[in-house]
C-alpha atoms as a PDB file:
ATOM      1  CA  UNK A   1     -17.052  -8.009 -15.280  1.00  0.00           C
ATOM      2  CA  UNK A   2     -17.747 -11.675 -14.446  1.00  0.00           C
ATOM      3  CA  UNK A   3     -14.125 -12.439 -13.560  1.00  0.00           C
ATOM      4  CA  UNK A   4     -13.822  -9.180 -11.639  1.00  0.00           C
ATOM      5  CA  UNK A   5     -16.775 -10.191  -9.457  1.00  0.00           C
ATOM      6  CA  UNK A   6     -14.881 -13.350  -8.439  1.00  0.00           C
ATOM      7  CA  UNK A   7     -11.983 -11.375  -6.950  1.00  0.00           C
ATOM      8  CA  UNK A   8     -11.359 -11.908  -3.232  1.00  0.00           C
ATOM      9  CA  UNK A   9      -8.872  -9.050  -2.879  1.00  0.00           C
ATOM     10  CA  UNK A  10      -9.479  -5.712  -4.605  1.00  0.00           C
ATOM     11  CA  UNK A  11      -6.760  -3.070  -4.614  1.00  0.00           C
ATOM     12  CA  UNK A  12      -7.566   0.538  -5.481  1.00  0.00           C
ATOM     13  CA  UNK A  13      -4.595   2.747  -6.247  1.00  0.00           C
ATOM     14  CA  UNK A  14      -2.150   4.064  -8.792  1.00  0.00           C
ATOM     15  CA  UNK A  15       0.493   2.896 -11.227  1.00  0.00           C
ATOM     16  CA  UNK A  16       3.803   4.724 -11.374  1.00  0.00           C
ATOM     17  CA  UNK A  17       6.860   4.218 -13.534  1.00  0.00           C
ATOM     18  CA  UNK A  18       9.874   4.310 -11.203  1.00  0.00           C
ATOM     19  CA  UNK A  19      13.021   5.746 -12.763  1.00  0.00           C
ATOM     20  CA  UNK A  20      15.552   4.555 -10.207  1.00  0.00           C
ATOM     21  CA  UNK A  21      19.171   5.568  -9.660  1.00  0.00           C
ATOM     22  CA  UNK A  22      21.464   3.607  -7.331  1.00  0.00           C
ATOM     23  CA  UNK A  23      24.371   5.591  -5.869  1.00  0.00           C
ATOM     24  CA  UNK A  24      26.702   5.667  -2.873  1.00  0.00           C
ATOM     25  CA  UNK A  25      24.673   8.527  -1.469  1.00  0.00           C
ATOM     26  CA  UNK A  26      21.718  10.803  -2.165  1.00  0.00           C
ATOM     27  CA  UNK A  27      23.065  14.029  -3.728  1.00  0.00           C
ATOM     28  CA  UNK A  28      22.806  17.317  -1.874  1.00  0.00           C
ATOM     29  CA  UNK A  29      21.175  20.381  -3.445  1.00  0.00           C
ATOM     30  CA  UNK A  30      23.395  21.542  -6.339  1.00  0.00           C
ATOM     31  CA  UNK A  31      25.562  18.411  -6.212  1.00  0.00           C
ATOM     32  CA  UNK A  32      26.118  16.186  -9.279  1.00  0.00           C
ATOM     33  CA  UNK A  33      27.109  12.533  -8.970  1.00  0.00           C
ATOM     34  CA  UNK A  34      28.420  10.360 -11.805  1.00  0.00           C
ATOM     35  CA  UNK A  35      28.801   6.952 -10.160  1.00  0.00           C
ATOM     36  CA  UNK A  36      25.152   5.971 -10.417  1.00  0.00           C
ATOM     37  CA  UNK A  37      23.401   2.965 -11.947  1.00  0.00           C
ATOM     38  CA  UNK A  38      19.966   3.385 -13.570  1.00  0.00           C
ATOM     39  CA  UNK A  39      16.996   1.077 -14.073  1.00  0.00           C
ATOM     40  CA  UNK A  40      13.373   1.649 -15.091  1.00  0.00           C
ATOM     41  CA  UNK A  41      10.879  -0.248 -12.937  1.00  0.00           C
ATOM     42  CA  UNK A  42       7.136  -0.656 -12.576  1.00  0.00           C
ATOM     43  CA  UNK A  43       5.938   0.960  -9.361  1.00  0.00           C
ATOM     44  CA  UNK A  44       3.166   2.862  -7.691  1.00  0.00           C
ATOM     45  CA  UNK A  45       1.799   1.798  -4.334  1.00  0.00           C
ATOM     46  CA  UNK A  46      -1.381   0.340  -5.820  1.00  0.00           C
ATOM     47  CA  UNK A  47       0.457  -1.487  -8.587  1.00  0.00           C
ATOM     48  CA  UNK A  48       3.061  -2.829  -6.160  1.00  0.00           C
ATOM     49  CA  UNK A  49       0.392  -4.105  -3.779  1.00  0.00           C
ATOM     50  CA  UNK A  50      -1.751  -5.785  -6.426  1.00  0.00           C
ATOM     51  CA  UNK A  51       1.298  -7.560  -7.886  1.00  0.00           C
ATOM     52  CA  UNK A  52       2.462  -8.660  -4.438  1.00  0.00           C
ATOM     53  CA  UNK A  53      -1.051  -9.934  -3.739  1.00  0.00           C
ATOM     54  CA  UNK A  54      -1.206 -11.865  -7.016  1.00  0.00           C
ATOM     55  CA  UNK A  55       2.197 -13.448  -6.329  1.00  0.00           C
ATOM     56  CA  UNK A  56       0.895 -14.693  -2.973  1.00  0.00           C
ATOM     57  CA  UNK A  57      -1.826 -16.566  -4.840  1.00  0.00           C
ATOM     58  CA  UNK A  58      -4.836 -14.364  -4.189  1.00  0.00           C
ATOM     59  CA  UNK A  59      -7.705 -13.854  -6.664  1.00  0.00           C
ATOM     60  CA  UNK A  60      -6.890 -10.218  -7.249  1.00  0.00           C
ATOM     61  CA  UNK A  61      -8.449  -7.293  -9.105  1.00  0.00           C
ATOM     62  CA  UNK A  62      -7.212  -3.724  -9.603  1.00  0.00           C
ATOM     63  CA  UNK A  63      -8.994  -0.373  -9.866  1.00  0.00           C
ATOM     64  CA  UNK A  64      -6.802   2.383 -11.333  1.00  0.00           C
ATOM     65  CA  UNK A  65      -6.212   4.940 -14.087  1.00  0.00           C
ATOM     66  CA  UNK A  66      -3.433   5.168 -16.679  1.00  0.00           C
ATOM     67  CA  UNK A  67      -2.465   7.788 -19.236  1.00  0.00           C
ATOM     68  CA  UNK A  68      -2.610   7.019 -22.952  1.00  0.00           C
ATOM     69  CA  UNK A  69       1.192   7.178 -23.178  1.00  0.00           C
ATOM     70  CA  UNK A  70       4.300   5.001 -23.357  1.00  0.00           C
ATOM     71  CA  UNK A  71       4.299   4.269 -19.627  1.00  0.00           C
ATOM     72  CA  UNK A  72       0.583   3.456 -19.489  1.00  0.00           C
ATOM     73  CA  UNK A  73       0.847   0.896 -22.267  1.00  0.00           C
ATOM     74  CA  UNK A  74       3.739  -0.844 -20.536  1.00  0.00           C
ATOM     75  CA  UNK A  75       1.828  -1.005 -17.260  1.00  0.00           C
ATOM     76  CA  UNK A  76      -1.169  -2.690 -18.898  1.00  0.00           C
ATOM     77  CA  UNK A  77       1.001  -5.445 -20.357  1.00  0.00           C
ATOM     78  CA  UNK A  78       2.842  -5.824 -17.057  1.00  0.00           C
ATOM     79  CA  UNK A  79      -0.333  -6.194 -14.958  1.00  0.00           C
ATOM     80  CA  UNK A  80      -1.816  -8.735 -17.368  1.00  0.00           C
ATOM     81  CA  UNK A  81       1.341 -10.858 -17.115  1.00  0.00           C
ATOM     82  CA  UNK A  82       0.537 -11.553 -13.432  1.00  0.00           C
ATOM     83  CA  UNK A  83      -3.026 -12.684 -14.123  1.00  0.00           C
ATOM     84  CA  UNK A  84      -4.511  -9.621 -12.416  1.00  0.00           C
ATOM     85  CA  UNK A  85      -8.031  -8.631 -13.407  1.00  0.00           C
ATOM     86  CA  UNK A  86      -7.818  -5.121 -14.924  1.00  0.00           C
ATOM     87  CA  UNK A  87     -11.421  -4.666 -16.089  1.00  0.00           C
ATOM     88  CA  UNK A  88     -11.581  -1.446 -14.059  1.00  0.00           C
ATOM     89  CA  UNK A  89      -8.224   0.005 -15.054  1.00  0.00           C
ATOM     90  CA  UNK A  90      -9.242   2.904 -17.295  1.00  0.00           C
ATOM     91  CA  UNK A  91      -7.160   4.789 -19.890  1.00  0.00           C
ATOM     92  CA  UNK A  92      -7.444   8.597 -19.728  1.00  0.00           C
ATOM     93  CA  UNK A  93      -7.173  10.185 -23.153  1.00  0.00           C
ATOM     94  CA  UNK A  94      -4.575  12.974 -23.143  1.00  0.00           C
ATOM     95  CA  UNK A  95      -3.480  12.166 -19.590  1.00  0.00           C
ATOM     96  CA  UNK A  96      -0.021  11.101 -18.495  1.00  0.00           C
ATOM     97  CA  UNK A  97       0.815   8.122 -16.314  1.00  0.00           C
ATOM     98  CA  UNK A  98       2.394   8.827 -12.936  1.00  0.00           C
ATOM     99  CA  UNK A  99       6.222   8.886 -12.945  1.00  0.00           C
ATOM    100  CA  UNK A 100       8.652   8.889  -9.989  1.00  0.00           C
ATOM    101  CA  UNK A 101      12.364   9.530  -9.736  1.00  0.00           C
ATOM    102  CA  UNK A 102      13.888   7.350  -7.001  1.00  0.00           C
ATOM    103  CA  UNK A 103      17.431   7.596  -5.609  1.00  0.00           C
ATOM    104  CA  UNK A 104      18.677   4.683  -3.476  1.00  0.00           C
ATOM    105  CA  UNK A 105      21.920   4.807  -1.466  1.00  0.00           C
ATOM    106  CA  UNK A 106      24.117   1.918  -0.347  1.00  0.00           C
ATOM    107  CA  UNK A 107      22.295   1.712   3.005  1.00  0.00           C
ATOM    108  CA  UNK A 108      19.065   0.906   1.145  1.00  0.00           C
ATOM    109  CA  UNK A 109      17.515   4.285   2.015  1.00  0.00           C
ATOM    110  CA  UNK A 110      15.597   6.115  -0.692  1.00  0.00           C
ATOM    111  CA  UNK A 111      14.443   9.600  -1.708  1.00  0.00           C
ATOM    112  CA  UNK A 112      11.480   9.969  -4.091  1.00  0.00           C
ATOM    113  CA  UNK A 113       9.816  12.724  -6.119  1.00  0.00           C
ATOM    114  CA  UNK A 114       6.602  12.025  -8.026  1.00  0.00           C
ATOM    115  CA  UNK A 115       4.531  13.599 -10.827  1.00  0.00           C
ATOM    116  CA  UNK A 116       1.031  12.216 -10.102  1.00  0.00           C
ATOM    117  CA  UNK A 117      -0.541  12.529 -13.544  1.00  0.00           C
ATOM    118  CA  UNK A 118      -3.879  10.682 -13.835  1.00  0.00           C
ATOM    119  CA  UNK A 119      -3.521   9.254 -10.318  1.00  0.00           C
ATOM    120  CA  UNK A 120      -4.935  12.559  -9.098  1.00  0.00           C
ATOM    121  CA  UNK A 121      -8.101  12.354 -11.235  1.00  0.00           C
ATOM    122  CA  UNK A 122     -11.618  11.773  -9.868  1.00  0.00           C
ATOM    123  CA  UNK A 123     -13.491   8.554 -10.513  1.00  0.00           C
ATOM    124  CA  UNK A 124     -16.791   9.407 -12.182  1.00  0.00           C
ATOM    125  CA  UNK A 125     -20.103   8.550 -10.462  1.00  0.00           C
ATOM    126  CA  UNK A 126     -20.596   5.895 -13.163  1.00  0.00           C
ATOM    127  CA  UNK A 127     -17.210   4.307 -12.355  1.00  0.00           C
ATOM    128  CA  UNK A 128     -18.003   4.272  -8.633  1.00  0.00           C
ATOM    129  CA  UNK A 129     -21.394   2.659  -9.238  1.00  0.00           C
ATOM    130  CA  UNK A 130     -19.784   0.060 -11.501  1.00  0.00           C
ATOM    131  CA  UNK A 131     -17.327  -0.645  -8.702  1.00  0.00           C
ATOM    132  CA  UNK A 132     -20.172  -1.083  -6.201  1.00  0.00           C
ATOM    133  CA  UNK A 133     -22.013  -3.581  -8.385  1.00  0.00           C
ATOM    134  CA  UNK A 134     -18.911  -5.660  -9.117  1.00  0.00           C
ATOM    135  CA  UNK A 135     -17.197  -5.954  -5.712  1.00  0.00           C
ATOM    136  CA  UNK A 136     -19.897  -7.585  -3.623  1.00  0.00           C
ATOM    137  CA  UNK A 137     -18.022 -10.900  -3.361  1.00  0.00           C
ATOM    138  CA  UNK A 138     -14.747  -9.304  -2.254  1.00  0.00           C
ATOM    139  CA  UNK A 139     -13.392 -10.347   1.140  1.00  0.00           C
ATOM    140  CA  UNK A 140     -11.181  -7.275   1.573  1.00  0.00           C
ATOM    141  CA  UNK A 141     -10.595  -3.961  -0.213  1.00  0.00           C
ATOM    142  CA  UNK A 142      -7.222  -2.185   0.005  1.00  0.00           C
ATOM    143  CA  UNK A 143      -7.313   1.533  -0.780  1.00  0.00           C
ATOM    144  CA  UNK A 144      -4.238   3.676  -1.448  1.00  0.00           C
ATOM    145  CA  UNK A 145      -4.028   7.441  -0.984  1.00  0.00           C
ATOM    146  CA  UNK A 146      -2.740   7.864  -4.588  1.00  0.00           C
ATOM    147  CA  UNK A 147      -6.197   8.643  -6.002  1.00  0.00           C
ATOM    148  CA  UNK A 148      -8.193  11.843  -5.488  1.00  0.00           C
ATOM    149  CA  UNK A 149      -9.208  12.137  -1.824  1.00  0.00           C
ATOM    150  CA  UNK A 150     -12.932  12.609  -2.565  1.00  0.00           C
ATOM    151  CA  UNK A 151     -12.886   9.435  -4.646  1.00  0.00           C
ATOM    152  CA  UNK A 152     -11.165   7.576  -1.793  1.00  0.00           C
ATOM    153  CA  UNK A 153     -13.837   8.665   0.678  1.00  0.00           C
ATOM    154  CA  UNK A 154     -16.596   7.552  -1.693  1.00  0.00           C
ATOM    155  CA  UNK A 155     -15.001   4.131  -2.134  1.00  0.00           C
ATOM    156  CA  UNK A 156     -14.555   3.707   1.633  1.00  0.00           C
ATOM    157  CA  UNK A 157     -18.272   4.472   2.059  1.00  0.00           C
ATOM    158  CA  UNK A 158     -19.175   1.895  -0.601  1.00  0.00           C
ATOM    159  CA  UNK A 159     -17.068  -0.808   1.069  1.00  0.00           C
ATOM    160  CA  UNK A 160     -18.521   0.016   4.509  1.00  0.00           C
ATOM    161  CA  UNK A 161     -22.090  -0.112   3.184  1.00  0.00           C
ATOM    162  CA  UNK A 162     -21.408  -3.593   1.761  1.00  0.00           C
ATOM    163  CA  UNK A 163     -19.764  -4.822   4.963  1.00  0.00           C
ATOM    164  CA  UNK A 164     -16.425  -5.480   3.247  1.00  0.00           C
ATOM    165  CA  UNK A 165     -13.311  -5.004   5.452  1.00  0.00           C
ATOM    166  CA  UNK A 166     -11.057  -2.134   4.336  1.00  0.00           C
ATOM    167  CA  UNK A 167      -7.315  -1.535   4.580  1.00  0.00           C
ATOM    168  CA  UNK A 168      -6.472   2.142   4.038  1.00  0.00           C
ATOM    169  CA  UNK A 169      -2.922   3.347   3.352  1.00  0.00           C
ATOM    170  CA  UNK A 170      -2.589   7.143   3.900  1.00  0.00           C
ATOM    171  CA  UNK A 171       1.048   7.365   2.693  1.00  0.00           C
ATOM    172  CA  UNK A 172       2.042   9.948   1.548  1.00  0.00           C
ATOM    173  CA  UNK A 173      -0.354  12.045   3.596  1.00  0.00           C
ATOM    174  CA  UNK A 174      -1.831  14.840   1.433  1.00  0.00           C
ATOM    175  CA  UNK A 175      -2.320  18.330   2.844  1.00  0.00           C
ATOM    176  CA  UNK A 176      -5.946  18.197   1.653  1.00  0.00           C
ATOM    177  CA  UNK A 177      -6.806  15.157   3.813  1.00  0.00           C
ATOM    178  CA  UNK A 178      -9.259  16.092   6.574  1.00  0.00           C
ATOM    179  CA  UNK A 179      -9.135  13.102   8.886  1.00  0.00           C
ATOM    180  CA  UNK A 180     -12.230  14.179  10.792  1.00  0.00           C
ATOM    181  CA  UNK A 181     -14.226  13.539   7.599  1.00  0.00           C
ATOM    182  CA  UNK A 182     -12.830  10.094   6.869  1.00  0.00           C
ATOM    183  CA  UNK A 183     -15.493   7.337   6.666  1.00  0.00           C
ATOM    184  CA  UNK A 184     -15.198   4.187   8.828  1.00  0.00           C
ATOM    185  CA  UNK A 185     -11.982   2.208   8.228  1.00  0.00           C
ATOM    186  CA  UNK A 186     -11.161  -1.261   9.535  1.00  0.00           C
ATOM    187  CA  UNK A 187      -7.357  -1.266   9.200  1.00  0.00           C
ATOM    188  CA  UNK A 188      -5.539   2.069   8.943  1.00  0.00           C
ATOM    189  CA  UNK A 189      -1.847   1.737   8.033  1.00  0.00           C
ATOM    190  CA  UNK A 190       0.353   4.857   8.250  1.00  0.00           C
ATOM    191  CA  UNK A 191       4.119   4.698   8.657  1.00  0.00           C
ATOM    192  CA  UNK A 192       5.851   6.400  11.589  1.00  0.00           C
ATOM    193  CA  UNK A 193       6.181   9.774   9.828  1.00  0.00           C
ATOM    194  CA  UNK A 194       2.551  10.002   8.681  1.00  0.00           C
ATOM    195  CA  UNK A 195       1.292   8.808  12.068  1.00  0.00           C
ATOM    196  CA  UNK A 196       3.304  11.542  13.793  1.00  0.00           C
ATOM    197  CA  UNK A 197       1.727  14.178  11.543  1.00  0.00           C
ATOM    198  CA  UNK A 198      -1.760  12.841  12.315  1.00  0.00           C
ATOM    199  CA  UNK A 199      -1.082  13.044  16.052  1.00  0.00           C
ATOM    200  CA  UNK A 200      -0.166  16.730  15.747  1.00  0.00           C
ATOM    201  CA  UNK A 201       1.690  18.936  18.239  1.00  0.00           C
ATOM    202  CA  UNK A 202       5.046  17.945  16.775  1.00  0.00           C
ATOM    203  CA  UNK A 203       4.679  14.304  17.835  1.00  0.00           C
ATOM    204  CA  UNK A 204       7.627  12.327  16.481  1.00  0.00           C
ATOM    205  CA  UNK A 205       7.876   8.540  16.384  1.00  0.00           C
ATOM    206  CA  UNK A 206      11.321   7.002  16.804  1.00  0.00           C
ATOM    207  CA  UNK A 207      10.581   4.037  19.030  1.00  0.00           C
ATOM    208  CA  UNK A 208       8.024   1.420  19.997  1.00  0.00           C
ATOM    209  CA  UNK A 209       7.056   3.585  22.979  1.00  0.00           C
ATOM    210  CA  UNK A 210       6.381   6.747  20.940  1.00  0.00           C
ATOM    211  CA  UNK A 211       4.585   4.618  18.323  1.00  0.00           C
ATOM    212  CA  UNK A 212       2.382   3.094  21.015  1.00  0.00           C
ATOM    213  CA  UNK A 213       1.504   6.558  22.293  1.00  0.00           C
ATOM    214  CA  UNK A 214       0.600   7.544  18.715  1.00  0.00           C
ATOM    215  CA  UNK A 215      -1.788   4.576  18.516  1.00  0.00           C
ATOM    216  CA  UNK A 216      -3.526   5.824  21.663  1.00  0.00           C
ATOM    217  CA  UNK A 217      -3.776   9.359  20.259  1.00  0.00           C
ATOM    218  CA  UNK A 218      -5.188   8.143  16.922  1.00  0.00           C
ATOM    219  CA  UNK A 219      -7.688   5.956  18.801  1.00  0.00           C
ATOM    220  CA  UNK A 220      -8.916   9.021  20.726  1.00  0.00           C
ATOM    221  CA  UNK A 221      -8.927  11.481  17.808  1.00  0.00           C
ATOM    222  CA  UNK A 222     -10.425   9.191  15.146  1.00  0.00           C
ATOM    223  CA  UNK A 223     -12.908   6.720  16.649  1.00  0.00           C
ATOM    224  CA  UNK A 224     -14.081   5.707  13.153  1.00  0.00           C
ATOM    225  CA  UNK A 225     -10.763   3.841  12.728  1.00  0.00           C
ATOM    226  CA  UNK A 226     -11.142   0.344  14.178  1.00  0.00           C
ATOM    227  CA  UNK A 227      -7.539  -0.896  14.031  1.00  0.00           C
ATOM    228  CA  UNK A 228      -4.742   1.663  13.491  1.00  0.00           C
ATOM    229  CA  UNK A 229      -1.487  -0.094  12.548  1.00  0.00           C
ATOM    230  CA  UNK A 230       1.737   1.961  12.491  1.00  0.00           C
ATOM    231  CA  UNK A 231       4.689   0.403  10.680  1.00  0.00           C
ATOM    232  CA  UNK A 232       8.087   1.142  12.253  1.00  0.00           C
ATOM    233  CA  UNK A 233      10.491  -0.254   9.676  1.00  0.00           C
ATOM    234  CA  UNK A 234      13.057  -2.487  11.350  1.00  0.00           C
ATOM    235  CA  UNK A 235      11.221  -2.181  14.674  1.00  0.00           C
ATOM    236  CA  UNK A 236       8.112  -3.926  13.330  1.00  0.00           C
ATOM    237  CA  UNK A 237       4.652  -2.461  13.952  1.00  0.00           C
ATOM    238  CA  UNK A 238       2.397  -1.228  16.758  1.00  0.00           C
ATOM    239  CA  UNK A 239      -1.370  -1.601  16.546  1.00  0.00           C
ATOM    240  CA  UNK A 240      -4.715  -1.581  18.332  1.00  0.00           C
ATOM    241  CA  UNK A 241      -5.883  -5.166  18.829  1.00  0.00           C
ATOM    242  CA  UNK A 242      -9.347  -6.753  19.010  1.00  0.00           C
ATOM    243  CA  UNK A 243      -9.636  -5.860  22.716  1.00  0.00           C
ATOM    244  CA  UNK A 244      -8.799  -2.187  21.918  1.00  0.00           C
ATOM    245  CA  UNK A 245      -5.367  -2.563  23.552  1.00  0.00           C
ATOM    246  CA  UNK A 246      -2.046  -1.368  22.108  1.00  0.00           C
ATOM    247  CA  UNK A 247       0.351  -4.142  21.113  1.00  0.00           C
ATOM    248  CA  UNK A 248       3.717  -4.456  19.338  1.00  0.00           C
ATOM    249  CA  UNK A 249       5.052  -7.031  16.868  1.00  0.00           C
ATOM    250  CA  UNK A 250       8.849  -6.912  16.292  1.00  0.00           C
ATOM    251  CA  UNK A 251      10.441  -7.453  12.891  1.00  0.00           C
ATOM    252  CA  UNK A 252      12.995 -10.210  12.256  1.00  0.00           C
ATOM    253  CA  UNK A 253      16.619  -9.074  11.920  1.00  0.00           C
ATOM    254  CA  UNK A 254      17.669  -9.255   8.260  1.00  0.00           C
ATOM    255  CA  UNK A 255      20.279  -7.682   5.978  1.00  0.00           C
ATOM    256  CA  UNK A 256      18.468  -4.783   4.299  1.00  0.00           C
ATOM    257  CA  UNK A 257      19.233  -4.190   0.613  1.00  0.00           C
ATOM    258  CA  UNK A 258      16.365  -1.823  -0.252  1.00  0.00           C
ATOM    259  CA  UNK A 259      13.166  -0.743   1.508  1.00  0.00           C
ATOM    260  CA  UNK A 260      11.267   0.596  -1.543  1.00  0.00           C
ATOM    261  CA  UNK A 261       7.840  -1.063  -1.673  1.00  0.00           C
ATOM    262  CA  UNK A 262       8.199  -2.923   1.640  1.00  0.00           C
ATOM    263  CA  UNK A 263       5.080  -1.236   3.042  1.00  0.00           C
ATOM    264  CA  UNK A 264       3.117  -2.408  -0.007  1.00  0.00           C
ATOM    265  CA  UNK A 265       4.307  -5.987   0.567  1.00  0.00           C
ATOM    266  CA  UNK A 266       3.192  -5.706   4.199  1.00  0.00           C
ATOM    267  CA  UNK A 267      -0.262  -4.538   3.161  1.00  0.00           C
ATOM    268  CA  UNK A 268      -0.568  -7.250   0.508  1.00  0.00           C
ATOM    269  CA  UNK A 269       0.089  -9.669   3.355  1.00  0.00           C
ATOM    270  CA  UNK A 270      -2.632  -8.062   5.456  1.00  0.00           C
ATOM    271  CA  UNK A 271      -5.038  -8.395   2.538  1.00  0.00           C
ATOM    272  CA  UNK A 272      -4.125 -12.031   1.978  1.00  0.00           C
ATOM    273  CA  UNK A 273      -4.617 -13.100   5.601  1.00  0.00           C
ATOM    274  CA  UNK A 274      -7.809 -11.048   6.075  1.00  0.00           C
ATOM    275  CA  UNK A 275      -9.281 -12.577   2.895  1.00  0.00           C
ATOM    276  CA  UNK A 276      -8.253 -16.168   3.648  1.00  0.00           C
ATOM    277  CA  UNK A 277      -8.631 -16.279   7.437  1.00  0.00           C
ATOM    278  CA  UNK A 278     -10.177 -13.088   8.786  1.00  0.00           C
ATOM    279  CA  UNK A 279     -10.136 -12.150  12.446  1.00  0.00           C
ATOM    280  CA  UNK A 280     -12.457 -15.091  13.116  1.00  0.00           C
ATOM    281  CA  UNK A 281      -9.720 -17.635  12.305  1.00  0.00           C
ATOM    282  CA  UNK A 282      -6.510 -15.679  12.919  1.00  0.00           C
ATOM    283  CA  UNK A 283      -5.712 -13.088  15.589  1.00  0.00           C
ATOM    284  CA  UNK A 284      -4.717  -9.635  14.325  1.00  0.00           C
ATOM    285  CA  UNK A 285      -1.333  -9.976  16.030  1.00  0.00           C
ATOM    286  CA  UNK A 286      -0.621 -13.128  14.013  1.00  0.00           C
ATOM    287  CA  UNK A 287      -1.830 -11.505  10.775  1.00  0.00           C
ATOM    288  CA  UNK A 288       0.558  -8.597  11.380  1.00  0.00           C
ATOM    289  CA  UNK A 289       3.446 -10.888  12.378  1.00  0.00           C
ATOM    290  CA  UNK A 290       3.155 -12.915   9.188  1.00  0.00           C
ATOM    291  CA  UNK A 291       2.767  -9.786   7.053  1.00  0.00           C
ATOM    292  CA  UNK A 292       5.955  -8.356   8.574  1.00  0.00           C
ATOM    293  CA  UNK A 293       7.742 -11.601   7.713  1.00  0.00           C
ATOM    294  CA  UNK A 294       6.671 -11.213   4.080  1.00  0.00           C
ATOM    295  CA  UNK A 295       7.941  -7.612   4.018  1.00  0.00           C
ATOM    296  CA  UNK A 296      11.220  -8.769   5.585  1.00  0.00           C
ATOM    297  CA  UNK A 297      11.743 -11.112   2.633  1.00  0.00           C
ATOM    298  CA  UNK A 298      11.291  -8.245   0.161  1.00  0.00           C
ATOM    299  CA  UNK A 299      13.765  -5.826   1.805  1.00  0.00           C
ATOM    300  CA  UNK A 300      16.578  -8.323   1.255  1.00  0.00           C
ATOM    301  CA  UNK A 301      16.286  -7.803  -2.525  1.00  0.00           C
ATOM    302  CA  UNK A 302      16.595  -4.888  -4.958  1.00  0.00           C
ATOM    303  CA  UNK A 303      13.612  -3.149  -6.480  1.00  0.00           C
ATOM    304  CA  UNK A 304       9.991  -2.664  -5.523  1.00  0.00           C
ATOM    305  CA  UNK A 305       7.677  -5.202  -7.173  1.00  0.00           C
ATOM    306  CA  UNK A 306      10.741  -7.081  -8.424  1.00  0.00           C
ATOM    307  CA  UNK A 307      11.628  -7.892  -4.807  1.00  0.00           C
ATOM    308  CA  UNK A 308       8.340  -9.580  -3.923  1.00  0.00           C
ATOM    309  CA  UNK A 309       8.369 -13.319  -3.184  1.00  0.00           C
ATOM    310  CA  UNK A 310       6.332 -15.891  -5.071  1.00  0.00           C
ATOM    311  CA  UNK A 311       3.878 -18.076  -3.187  1.00  0.00           C
ATOM    312  CA  UNK A 312       6.106 -21.148  -3.257  1.00  0.00           C
ATOM    313  CA  UNK A 313       8.952 -19.188  -1.617  1.00  0.00           C
ATOM    314  CA  UNK A 314       6.838 -18.210   1.419  1.00  0.00           C
ATOM    315  CA  UNK A 315       4.285 -21.014   1.637  1.00  0.00           C
ATOM    316  CA  UNK A 316       5.276 -21.666   5.267  1.00  0.00           C
ATOM    317  CA  UNK A 317       4.319 -18.065   6.127  1.00  0.00           C
ATOM    318  CA  UNK A 318       1.018 -18.198   4.218  1.00  0.00           C
ATOM    319  CA  UNK A 319      -0.353 -21.462   5.575  1.00  0.00           C
ATOM    320  CA  UNK A 320      -1.419 -22.472   9.069  1.00  0.00           C
END
């Protein structure tokens, strides 16, 4: 694991094969449409984020599980093609790789259904200990909710014990998640829907104002979260800054083609700037602003990981 130990950014999450249909609209229950266009894409929040991170130029490693099937084999080849360290991507004998069906309409909106497969499996104690011994040089660890929740909590504890900053993505929010039990998290990144669920009492987020109120509620309910960051799509993001005050960063106005994977691009940006600058050299507001800019590039293109920019395309965003 020598190369793995050199990684600055470690992403923990799942791989999913996205079977994507493009149509004028999302069909209603019982409705059949015949004007669609189909493509098979590599996806999964973890896979998307690690590829986006590698494209930005980070020394990146991935922790995940794949089934011993057609889709798993294709993912391994795909990850290797980006120069990502996959020493801790394990193959589960008899398991199936996660698969999603995605429908995208002409407005760029999507509907998704997923069969989790091996993404829902536990990491063994041996795998967690191997992770601990090999991540000590990491500058940031990004953890996706795709894995089993007990495994996620264990990995958050490991990162905290080593003093490594964590970015935790709780989307989609599982019913089994008990937020009161969550270990300390540095950067907690729900979208507006998940944040509303966490606030409870039917709290809905449709604006910067309701998002800001959600930040205050999360701050009060979950003091172990240092910096909650709620993404608001075209309205940007609201967050709790270094002075424990609520702030808002707007998003640039762009022509949206597709939003699939935009949140993963945003979080890859967070990981990049935390690893290369940290809060010592760059204010959290600026980290978020630049990460939103990266996500705004991706939504102007089709696909998930296929929409992510290469380093040379966004070098002005990445450098100070």
